[in-house]
């Protein structure tokens, strides 16, 4: 007898959180076998587990080695689920530049956001991690992006997000872009203070916020 959706999602989350790659992979296969939506499995299973692992890291119960094993479990399950993701039916994609700001090499959260935005129909341009701040501006201009997503897990690199926004202002092009920020130390209050257009506290909510920020852009370019 097939298990309930909630049980499978819980195993996906637990597989990541508890450093159990075998459980995560098994749950991913089961999710596909019973017809569970792959996006649902990722955003409400794997992402939940990774967010919980991040909370334990913040509480100093997990450290970098544990996070790396968690991410291995997540990526192993993700490889099973990814081919079953359904692309959004859009006539024109909105270009998005994404990356981890200079000084930070933590990219697990950024990678999750990238995957979910890609599935949601955005044209993704991933600059990677430890990205020089000016590169965000140059790439956004080059690809005629409408959304710039900035990520960091470190308090010491948070101000780099403000610097990117200031660069856009200095070039007189701030109103051409929507800037979405996120990461462990980031808050809505910080986003408001630096003049970011949006803030998301996890990958799933990033998709919702991104869509809201970019509503009307594609129509305006038609």
Protein backbone atom coordinates (compact mmCIF):
# COMPACT_ATOMS: atom_id res chain seq x y z
CA UNK A 1 0.00 0.00 0.00
CA UNK A 2 1.36 3.39 -1.04
CA UNK A 3 2.35 5.68 1.77
CA UNK A 4 0.88 9.13 2.28
CA UNK A 5 2.48 12.19 0.71
CA UNK A 6 3.38 13.61 4.13
CA UNK A 7 5.30 10.46 5.06
CA UNK A 8 7.39 10.57 1.91
CA UNK A 9 8.11 14.27 2.34
CA UNK A 10 9.14 13.62 5.93
CA UNK A 11 11.58 10.93 4.82
CA UNK A 12 13.06 13.28 2.24
CA UNK A 13 13.54 15.92 4.92
CA UNK A 14 14.87 13.44 7.47
CA UNK A 15 17.27 11.90 4.97
CA UNK A 16 18.90 15.30 4.52
CA UNK A 17 18.68 16.41 8.14
CA UNK A 18 19.95 13.14 9.59
CA UNK A 19 22.84 12.72 7.14
CA UNK A 20 21.14 9.64 5.71
CA UNK A 21 21.71 9.63 1.94
CA UNK A 22 20.22 6.15 1.57
CA UNK A 23 16.92 7.30 3.10
CA UNK A 24 16.81 10.46 0.97
CA UNK A 25 17.44 8.51 -2.24
CA UNK A 26 14.91 5.82 -1.33
CA UNK A 27 12.27 8.47 -0.58
CA UNK A 28 13.01 10.23 -3.87
CA UNK A 29 12.49 7.01 -5.82
CA UNK A 30 9.28 6.38 -3.91
CA UNK A 31 8.05 9.90 -4.62
CA UNK A 32 8.42 9.33 -8.35
CA UNK A 33 6.92 5.84 -8.18
CA UNK A 34 3.71 7.07 -6.53
CA UNK A 35 3.40 10.12 -8.79
CA UNK A 36 4.30 12.78 -6.26
CA UNK A 37 5.02 16.13 -7.91
CA UNK A 38 8.81 16.53 -8.12
CA UNK A 39 8.69 20.24 -7.29
CA UNK A 40 6.60 19.44 -4.22
CA UNK A 41 9.09 16.76 -3.17
CA UNK A 42 12.00 19.17 -3.50
CA UNK A 43 10.46 22.28 -1.94
CA UNK A 44 8.50 20.54 0.84
CA UNK A 45 10.91 17.68 1.45
CA UNK A 46 14.56 18.28 0.60
CA UNK A 47 14.47 22.04 1.15
CA UNK A 48 12.78 21.61 4.52
CA UNK A 49 15.49 19.21 5.64
CA UNK A 50 18.27 21.50 4.43
CA UNK A 51 16.69 24.48 6.19
CA UNK A 52 16.49 22.48 9.42
CA UNK A 53 20.15 21.50 9.04
CA UNK A 54 20.97 25.18 8.58
CA UNK A 55 19.18 25.97 11.83
CA UNK A 56 21.26 23.37 13.66
CA UNK A 57 24.36 24.95 12.16
CA UNK A 58 23.28 28.35 13.47
CA UNK A 59 22.78 26.77 16.90
CA UNK A 60 26.27 25.21 16.69
CA UNK A 61 24.85 21.68 16.89
CA UNK A 62 25.99 21.01 13.33
CA UNK A 63 29.27 22.15 11.83
CA UNK A 64 30.65 22.33 8.29
CA UNK A 65 31.33 18.56 7.96
CA UNK A 66 27.72 17.77 8.90
CA UNK A 67 26.37 20.37 6.46
CA UNK A 68 28.45 18.88 3.67
CA UNK A 69 27.05 15.40 4.33
CA UNK A 70 23.53 16.88 4.44
CA UNK A 71 24.13 18.51 1.09
CA UNK A 72 25.45 15.24 -0.37
CA UNK A 73 22.20 13.52 0.64
CA UNK A 74 20.17 16.38 -0.80
CA UNK A 75 21.99 16.39 -4.14
CA UNK A 76 21.76 12.60 -4.46
CA UNK A 77 17.98 12.76 -4.07
CA UNK A 78 17.82 15.83 -6.27
CA UNK A 79 19.43 13.97 -9.16
CA UNK A 80 16.55 11.49 -9.04
CA UNK A 81 13.84 14.14 -8.85
CA UNK A 82 15.27 16.70 -11.28
CA UNK A 83 14.40 14.86 -14.54
CA UNK A 84 10.76 14.79 -13.46
CA UNK A 85 10.41 18.53 -12.89
CA UNK A 86 7.86 20.17 -15.15
CA UNK A 87 8.97 23.43 -16.74
CA UNK A 88 6.53 26.31 -16.46
CA UNK A 89 4.64 27.04 -19.67
CA UNK A 90 5.88 30.54 -20.43
CA UNK A 91 6.20 32.29 -23.79
CA UNK A 92 9.09 34.51 -22.72
CA UNK A 93 11.50 33.90 -19.89
CA UNK A 94 12.60 36.64 -17.53
CA UNK A 95 16.39 36.69 -17.19
CA UNK A 96 17.77 36.37 -13.68
CA UNK A 97 21.34 36.75 -12.46
CA UNK A 98 22.13 34.82 -9.28
CA UNK A 99 25.21 34.29 -7.14
CA UNK A 100 26.84 34.32 -3.73
CA UNK A 101 28.46 37.66 -2.94
CA UNK A 102 32.20 38.16 -2.77
CA UNK A 103 33.87 36.69 0.31
CA UNK A 104 31.43 33.80 0.77
CA UNK A 105 31.74 30.30 -0.71
CA UNK A 106 28.56 28.78 0.76
CA UNK A 107 26.30 28.00 -2.18
CA UNK A 108 23.85 25.28 -1.11
CA UNK A 109 20.98 27.72 -0.61
CA UNK A 110 21.80 29.57 -3.81
CA UNK A 111 21.79 26.34 -5.77
CA UNK A 112 18.36 25.41 -4.45
CA UNK A 113 16.94 28.81 -5.38
CA UNK A 114 18.48 28.53 -8.84
CA UNK A 115 16.88 25.14 -9.46
CA UNK A 116 13.43 26.23 -8.31
CA UNK A 117 13.54 29.50 -10.26
CA UNK A 118 14.62 27.61 -13.37
CA UNK A 119 11.68 25.28 -12.98
CA UNK A 120 9.41 28.29 -12.45
CA UNK A 121 10.38 29.57 -15.90
CA UNK A 122 13.17 32.07 -15.26
CA UNK A 123 16.21 32.23 -17.55
CA UNK A 124 18.97 31.61 -15.03
CA UNK A 125 22.50 33.04 -15.21
CA UNK A 126 24.46 31.57 -12.30
CA UNK A 127 27.66 33.42 -11.43
CA UNK A 128 28.55 30.87 -8.73
CA UNK A 129 30.05 31.76 -5.38
CA UNK A 130 32.52 34.36 -4.11
CA UNK A 131 31.37 36.64 -6.95
CA UNK A 132 33.02 40.07 -7.34
CA UNK A 133 30.27 42.59 -6.71
CA UNK A 134 30.68 44.44 -10.00
CA UNK A 135 30.11 41.17 -11.87
CA UNK A 136 26.46 41.14 -10.79
CA UNK A 137 25.91 44.53 -12.39
CA UNK A 138 27.84 43.73 -15.58
CA UNK A 139 26.14 40.38 -16.10
CA UNK A 140 22.69 41.85 -15.45
CA UNK A 141 23.32 44.47 -18.14
CA UNK A 142 24.79 41.92 -20.54
CA UNK A 143 21.80 39.54 -20.45
CA UNK A 144 19.18 42.28 -19.99
CA UNK A 145 18.12 40.72 -16.70
CA UNK A 146 15.14 41.88 -14.71
CA UNK A 147 16.04 40.11 -11.47
CA UNK A 148 19.28 39.99 -9.49
CA UNK A 149 19.43 37.43 -6.67
CA UNK A 150 22.14 37.90 -4.04
CA UNK A 151 22.95 35.28 -1.41
CA UNK A 152 25.24 35.01 1.60
CA UNK A 153 25.55 32.89 4.70
CA UNK A 154 28.07 35.17 6.41
CA UNK A 155 27.47 38.37 8.34
CA UNK A 156 30.84 39.70 7.17
CA UNK A 157 29.71 39.79 3.53
CA UNK A 158 26.19 41.16 3.99
CA UNK A 159 27.23 44.71 3.17
CA UNK A 160 28.28 43.54 -0.29
CA UNK A 161 24.59 43.34 -1.13
CA UNK A 162 24.18 47.01 -0.33
CA UNK A 163 27.21 47.76 -2.49
CA UNK A 164 25.63 46.07 -5.52
CA UNK A 165 22.51 48.21 -5.10
CA UNK A 166 24.65 51.34 -4.80
CA UNK A 167 26.49 50.41 -8.02
CA UNK A 168 23.17 50.19 -9.83
CA UNK A 169 22.22 53.61 -8.50
CA UNK A 170 25.56 55.14 -9.49
CA UNK A 171 25.09 53.94 -13.06
CA UNK A 172 21.55 55.31 -13.13
CA UNK A 173 20.04 51.89 -13.84
CA UNK A 174 18.57 50.93 -10.47
CA UNK A 175 14.99 51.03 -11.74
CA UNK A 176 15.79 48.46 -14.47
CA UNK A 177 16.21 45.65 -11.98
CA UNK A 178 14.54 43.99 -9.04
CA UNK A 179 16.99 42.88 -6.34
CA UNK A 180 16.09 39.85 -4.22
CA UNK A 181 18.33 38.89 -1.29
CA UNK A 182 18.51 35.95 1.09
CA UNK A 183 20.70 33.76 3.25
CA UNK A 184 21.18 32.75 6.87
CA UNK A 185 21.90 36.17 8.44
CA UNK A 186 19.59 38.15 6.17
CA UNK A 187 16.29 39.58 7.41
CA UNK A 188 13.47 41.64 5.96
CA UNK A 189 14.63 44.55 8.12
CA UNK A 190 18.09 44.36 6.53
CA UNK A 191 16.57 44.14 3.05
CA UNK A 192 14.47 47.23 3.73
CA UNK A 193 17.45 49.10 5.14
CA UNK A 194 19.67 48.58 2.07
CA UNK A 195 16.85 49.20 -0.40
CA UNK A 196 16.45 45.66 -1.76
CA UNK A 197 13.15 44.97 -3.50
CA UNK A 198 12.54 41.64 -1.81
CA UNK A 199 13.70 39.13 0.76
CA UNK A 200 13.15 35.37 1.01
CA UNK A 201 14.01 33.15 3.95
CA UNK A 202 14.03 29.90 1.97
CA UNK A 203 14.18 28.58 -1.60
CA UNK A 204 10.47 27.93 -1.94
CA UNK A 205 9.46 31.42 -0.84
CA UNK A 206 12.13 32.89 -3.14
CA UNK A 207 10.13 31.65 -6.14
CA UNK A 208 6.94 33.29 -4.87
CA UNK A 209 8.68 36.60 -4.14
CA UNK A 210 10.54 36.55 -7.48
CA UNK A 211 7.30 36.09 -9.39
CA UNK A 212 5.67 38.94 -7.50
CA UNK A 213 8.63 41.26 -8.10
CA UNK A 214 8.77 40.53 -11.80
CA UNK A 215 5.05 40.58 -12.50
CA UNK A 216 4.42 42.60 -15.64
CA UNK A 217 8.04 42.66 -16.85
CA UNK A 218 7.52 40.17 -19.65
CA UNK A 219 4.35 41.96 -20.78
CA UNK A 220 6.11 45.32 -20.72
CA UNK A 221 8.82 43.99 -23.06
CA UNK A 222 6.36 42.52 -25.54
